[in-house]
Amino acid sequence: MTMTKKTFLTVVTLCWVCSLVGFVLIFTTRGQLPEELQSYVASRKQPHAEPAWADVVVGWQLLKYLFAALVANVCIYSLRPWARWLYTIVAIAGWLVILPLGHDPVVHTLWVELASGLSSTLSGFALCAMWFVPEVRDLFRSGTESVASPPRL
């Protein structure tokens, strides 16, 4: 069984769709949380007189990450040879970027967690495919549709 260019790019697209759906669900499903959790989430949104220096630094880091993620995904779709490295670095950086944001417990509905989990799983699948599946790895060398590999003896 081979993986085609279309299949690989569909996996990458589904990863982004799940991420965007999860982001939208964060705001649209908050009302489905139990009363106690809703009040906890509301209490964590205390407006500050002015942002702390650390908040500004984290905000800039997040913006730089989002820009790099956009560039990496555009390059993945155009099958640039160096796009595999950039996508891998951005994926790993994505895990590191969220660490400073995790001071408190995160409260979401199961729908948000489902979309987030699917996105992470698909991202991991895309990473594995671009590094370990010969047909996909070859796409980044040639930029063309894969053909079935001859059987190995």
C-alpha atoms as a PDB file:
ATOM      1  CA  MET A   1       0.000   0.000   0.000  1.00  0.00           C
ATOM      2  CA  THR A   2       1.326   3.415  -0.920  1.00  0.00           C
ATOM      3  CA  MET A   3       0.583   6.899   0.277  1.00  0.00           C
ATOM      4  CA  THR A   4      -0.102   9.455  -2.427  1.00  0.00           C
ATOM      5  CA  LYS A   5       0.483  13.174  -2.400  1.00  0.00           C
ATOM      6  CA  LYS A   6      -3.268  13.733  -2.108  1.00  0.00           C
ATOM      7  CA  THR A   7      -3.555  11.461   0.933  1.00  0.00           C
ATOM      8  CA  PHE A   8      -0.637  13.136   2.694  1.00  0.00           C
ATOM      9  CA  LEU A   9      -1.907  16.650   2.039  1.00  0.00           C
ATOM     10  CA  THR A  10      -5.374  15.577   3.203  1.00  0.00           C
ATOM     11  CA  VAL A  11      -3.866  14.502   6.539  1.00  0.00           C
ATOM     12  CA  VAL A  12      -2.124  17.883   6.892  1.00  0.00           C
ATOM     13  CA  THR A  13      -5.352  19.692   5.993  1.00  0.00           C
ATOM     14  CA  LEU A  14      -7.369  17.663   8.510  1.00  0.00           C
ATOM     15  CA  CYS A  15      -4.804  18.525  11.163  1.00  0.00           C
ATOM     16  CA  TRP A  16      -5.394  22.232  10.579  1.00  0.00           C
ATOM     17  CA  VAL A  17      -9.170  21.787  10.385  1.00  0.00           C
ATOM     18  CA  CYS A  18      -9.168  19.997  13.755  1.00  0.00           C
ATOM     19  CA  SER A  19      -7.010  22.747  15.257  1.00  0.00           C
ATOM     20  CA  LEU A  20      -9.335  25.480  14.017  1.00  0.00           C
ATOM     21  CA  VAL A  21     -12.450  23.590  15.129  1.00  0.00           C
ATOM     22  CA  GLY A  22     -10.900  23.104  18.566  1.00  0.00           C
ATOM     23  CA  PHE A  23     -10.092  26.809  18.798  1.00  0.00           C
ATOM     24  CA  VAL A  24     -13.660  27.784  17.881  1.00  0.00           C
ATOM     25  CA  LEU A  25     -15.065  25.200  20.303  1.00  0.00           C
ATOM     26  CA  ILE A  26     -13.090  26.731  23.180  1.00  0.00           C
ATOM     27  CA  PHE A  27     -15.316  29.794  22.958  1.00  0.00           C
ATOM     28  CA  THR A  28     -18.574  28.249  21.771  1.00  0.00           C
ATOM     29  CA  THR A  29     -18.837  25.371  24.237  1.00  0.00           C
ATOM     30  CA  ARG A  30     -17.828  27.184  27.411  1.00  0.00           C
ATOM     31  CA  GLY A  31     -21.492  27.464  28.375  1.00  0.00           C
ATOM     32  CA  GLN A  32     -21.761  23.655  28.455  1.00  0.00           C
ATOM     33  CA  LEU A  33     -19.373  23.438  31.391  1.00  0.00           C
ATOM     34  CA  PRO A  34     -20.850  22.833  34.851  1.00  0.00           C
ATOM     35  CA  GLU A  35     -21.665  25.978  36.825  1.00  0.00           C
ATOM     36  CA  GLU A  36     -18.627  25.653  39.113  1.00  0.00           C
ATOM     37  CA  LEU A  37     -16.216  25.369  36.205  1.00  0.00           C
ATOM     38  CA  GLN A  38     -17.801  28.314  34.413  1.00  0.00           C
ATOM     39  CA  SER A  39     -17.287  30.482  37.487  1.00  0.00           C
ATOM     40  CA  TYR A  40     -13.667  29.269  37.743  1.00  0.00           C
ATOM     41  CA  VAL A  41     -13.005  30.171  34.095  1.00  0.00           C
ATOM     42  CA  ALA A  42     -14.618  33.582  34.623  1.00  0.00           C
ATOM     43  CA  SER A  43     -12.505  34.216  37.733  1.00  0.00           C
ATOM     44  CA  ARG A  44      -9.300  33.547  35.766  1.00  0.00           C
ATOM     45  CA  LYS A  45     -10.140  36.382  33.347  1.00  0.00           C
ATOM     46  CA  GLN A  46      -9.300  39.191  35.750  1.00  0.00           C
ATOM     47  CA  PRO A  47      -8.345  42.225  33.637  1.00  0.00           C
ATOM     48  CA  HIS A  48      -4.923  43.635  34.471  1.00  0.00           C
ATOM     49  CA  ALA A  49      -4.234  47.378  34.593  1.00  0.00           C
ATOM     50  CA  GLU A  50      -1.365  46.799  32.179  1.00  0.00           C
ATOM     51  CA  PRO A  51       0.171  43.586  30.882  1.00  0.00           C
ATOM     52  CA  ALA A  52       3.118  42.180  32.753  1.00  0.00           C
ATOM     53  CA  TRP A  53       6.456  42.027  30.966  1.00  0.00           C
ATOM     54  CA  ALA A  54       6.248  38.222  30.836  1.00  0.00           C
ATOM     55  CA  ASP A  55       2.818  38.417  29.171  1.00  0.00           C
ATOM     56  CA  VAL A  56       4.222  40.655  26.439  1.00  0.00           C
ATOM     57  CA  VAL A  57       7.151  38.299  25.837  1.00  0.00           C
ATOM     58  CA  VAL A  58       4.865  35.258  25.688  1.00  0.00           C
ATOM     59  CA  GLY A  59       2.528  37.135  23.330  1.00  0.00           C
ATOM     60  CA  TRP A  60       5.360  37.950  20.925  1.00  0.00           C
ATOM     61  CA  GLN A  61       6.643  34.382  21.078  1.00  0.00           C
ATOM     62  CA  LEU A  62       3.152  33.122  20.276  1.00  0.00           C
ATOM     63  CA  LEU A  63       2.857  35.474  17.280  1.00  0.00           C
ATOM     64  CA  LYS A  64       6.253  34.350  15.965  1.00  0.00           C
ATOM     65  CA  TYR A  65       5.206  30.730  16.396  1.00  0.00           C
ATOM     66  CA  LEU A  66       1.936  31.265  14.508  1.00  0.00           C
ATOM     67  CA  PHE A  67       3.809  32.939  11.643  1.00  0.00           C
ATOM     68  CA  ALA A  68       6.346  30.082  11.497  1.00  0.00           C
ATOM     69  CA  ALA A  69       3.498  27.530  11.560  1.00  0.00           C
ATOM     70  CA  LEU A  70       1.800  29.284   8.652  1.00  0.00           C
ATOM     71  CA  VAL A  71       5.038  29.370   6.639  1.00  0.00           C
ATOM     72  CA  ALA A  72       5.775  25.704   7.437  1.00  0.00           C
ATOM     73  CA  ASN A  73       2.349  24.563   6.291  1.00  0.00           C
ATOM     74  CA  VAL A  74       2.426  26.603   3.092  1.00  0.00           C
ATOM     75  CA  CYS A  75       5.817  25.065   2.323  1.00  0.00           C
ATOM     76  CA  ILE A  76       4.503  21.572   3.115  1.00  0.00           C
ATOM     77  CA  TYR A  77       1.741  22.089   0.540  1.00  0.00           C
ATOM     78  CA  SER A  78       4.300  23.207  -2.039  1.00  0.00           C
ATOM     79  CA  LEU A  79       6.531  20.222  -1.111  1.00  0.00           C
ATOM     80  CA  ARG A  80       9.689  22.265  -0.606  1.00  0.00           C
ATOM     81  CA  PRO A  81      12.656  20.009   0.244  1.00  0.00           C
ATOM     82  CA  TRP A  82      13.411  21.908   3.479  1.00  0.00           C
ATOM     83  CA  ALA A  83       9.742  22.021   4.526  1.00  0.00           C
ATOM     84  CA  ARG A  84      10.011  18.726   6.424  1.00  0.00           C
ATOM     85  CA  TRP A  85      12.624  20.245   8.740  1.00  0.00           C
ATOM     86  CA  LEU A  86      10.665  23.442   9.236  1.00  0.00           C
ATOM     87  CA  TYR A  87       7.417  21.562   9.934  1.00  0.00           C
ATOM     88  CA  THR A  88       9.218  19.306  12.425  1.00  0.00           C
ATOM     89  CA  ILE A  89      10.802  22.253  14.237  1.00  0.00           C
ATOM     90  CA  VAL A  90       7.482  24.113  14.357  1.00  0.00           C
ATOM     91  CA  ALA A  91       5.660  21.030  15.668  1.00  0.00           C
ATOM     92  CA  ILE A  92       8.186  20.583  18.482  1.00  0.00           C
ATOM     93  CA  ALA A  93       8.198  24.314  19.202  1.00  0.00           C
ATOM     94  CA  GLY A  94       4.408  24.182  19.447  1.00  0.00           C
ATOM     95  CA  TRP A  95       4.702  21.894  22.432  1.00  0.00           C
ATOM     96  CA  LEU A  96       7.268  24.223  24.006  1.00  0.00           C
ATOM     97  CA  VAL A  97       5.306  27.427  23.291  1.00  0.00           C
ATOM     98  CA  ILE A  98       2.333  26.294  25.356  1.00  0.00           C
ATOM     99  CA  LEU A  99       4.427  25.525  28.442  1.00  0.00           C
ATOM    100  CA  PRO A 100       4.612  29.135  29.730  1.00  0.00           C
ATOM    101  CA  LEU A 101       0.850  29.427  29.258  1.00  0.00           C
ATOM    102  CA  GLY A 102       0.116  26.565  31.641  1.00  0.00           C
ATOM    103  CA  HIS A 103       0.241  28.218  35.058  1.00  0.00           C
ATOM    104  CA  ASP A 104      -3.255  27.145  35.996  1.00  0.00           C
ATOM    105  CA  PRO A 105      -5.506  24.185  35.239  1.00  0.00           C
ATOM    106  CA  VAL A 106      -7.019  24.273  31.758  1.00  0.00           C
ATOM    107  CA  VAL A 107     -10.776  23.784  31.650  1.00  0.00           C
ATOM    108  CA  HIS A 108     -12.403  22.742  28.375  1.00  0.00           C
ATOM    109  CA  THR A 109     -15.238  20.559  27.220  1.00  0.00           C
ATOM    110  CA  LEU A 110     -14.637  17.086  25.870  1.00  0.00           C
ATOM    111  CA  TRP A 111     -15.354  18.386  22.353  1.00  0.00           C
ATOM    112  CA  VAL A 112     -12.355  20.724  22.595  1.00  0.00           C
ATOM    113  CA  GLU A 113     -10.180  17.899  23.882  1.00  0.00           C
ATOM    114  CA  LEU A 114     -11.384  15.635  21.059  1.00  0.00           C
ATOM    115  CA  ALA A 115     -10.485  18.205  18.387  1.00  0.00           C
ATOM    116  CA  SER A 116      -7.137  18.902  20.060  1.00  0.00           C
ATOM    117  CA  GLY A 117      -6.317  15.212  20.374  1.00  0.00           C
ATOM    118  CA  LEU A 118      -7.217  14.549  16.744  1.00  0.00           C
ATOM    119  CA  SER A 119      -5.074  17.476  15.639  1.00  0.00           C
ATOM    120  CA  SER A 120      -2.091  16.234  17.644  1.00  0.00           C
ATOM    121  CA  THR A 121      -2.530  12.685  16.354  1.00  0.00           C
ATOM    122  CA  LEU A 122      -2.787  13.819  12.729  1.00  0.00           C
ATOM    123  CA  SER A 123       0.227  16.084  13.155  1.00  0.00           C
ATOM    124  CA  GLY A 124       2.227  13.162  14.518  1.00  0.00           C
ATOM    125  CA  PHE A 125       1.034  10.990  11.643  1.00  0.00           C
ATOM    126  CA  ALA A 126       2.093  13.663   9.139  1.00  0.00           C
ATOM    127  CA  LEU A 127       5.514  13.906  10.790  1.00  0.00           C
ATOM    128  CA  CYS A 128       5.973  10.138  10.669  1.00  0.00           C
ATOM    129  CA  ALA A 129       4.810   9.984   7.057  1.00  0.00           C
ATOM    130  CA  MET A 130       7.123  12.728   5.830  1.00  0.00           C
ATOM    131  CA  TRP A 131      10.159  11.164   7.497  1.00  0.00           C
ATOM    132  CA  PHE A 132       9.527   7.413   7.324  1.00  0.00           C
ATOM    133  CA  VAL A 133       7.147   6.645   4.430  1.00  0.00           C
ATOM    134  CA  PRO A 134       9.290   6.391   1.272  1.00  0.00           C
ATOM    135  CA  GLU A 135       6.557   7.646  -1.081  1.00  0.00           C
ATOM    136  CA  VAL A 136       5.995  10.798   0.979  1.00  0.00           C
ATOM    137  CA  ARG A 137       9.689  11.353   1.660  1.00  0.00           C
ATOM    138  CA  ASP A 138      10.297  11.166  -2.095  1.00  0.00           C
ATOM    139  CA  LEU A 139       7.620  13.798  -2.725  1.00  0.00           C
ATOM    140  CA  PHE A 140       9.839  16.336  -0.973  1.00  0.00           C
ATOM    141  CA  ARG A 141      12.714  15.429  -3.251  1.00  0.00           C
ATOM    142  CA  SER A 142      10.799  15.552  -6.505  1.00  0.00           C
ATOM    143  CA  GLY A 143       7.536  17.380  -5.780  1.00  0.00           C
ATOM    144  CA  THR A 144       5.617  14.913  -7.931  1.00  0.00           C
ATOM    145  CA  GLU A 145       2.929  12.299  -7.377  1.00  0.00           C
ATOM    146  CA  SER A 146       4.235   9.097  -5.831  1.00  0.00           C
ATOM    147  CA  VAL A 147       4.368   5.842  -7.691  1.00  0.00           C
ATOM    148  CA  ALA A 148       4.358   2.410  -6.133  1.00  0.00           C
ATOM    149  CA  SER A 149       7.794   1.351  -4.956  1.00  0.00           C
ATOM    150  CA  PRO A 150       9.142  -1.867  -6.383  1.00  0.00           C
ATOM    151  CA  PRO A 151       9.066  -4.758  -3.925  1.00  0.00           C
ATOM    152  CA  ARG A 152      12.260  -5.232  -1.951  1.00  0.00           C
ATOM    153  CA  LEU A 153      13.969  -8.556  -2.153  1.00  0.00           C
END
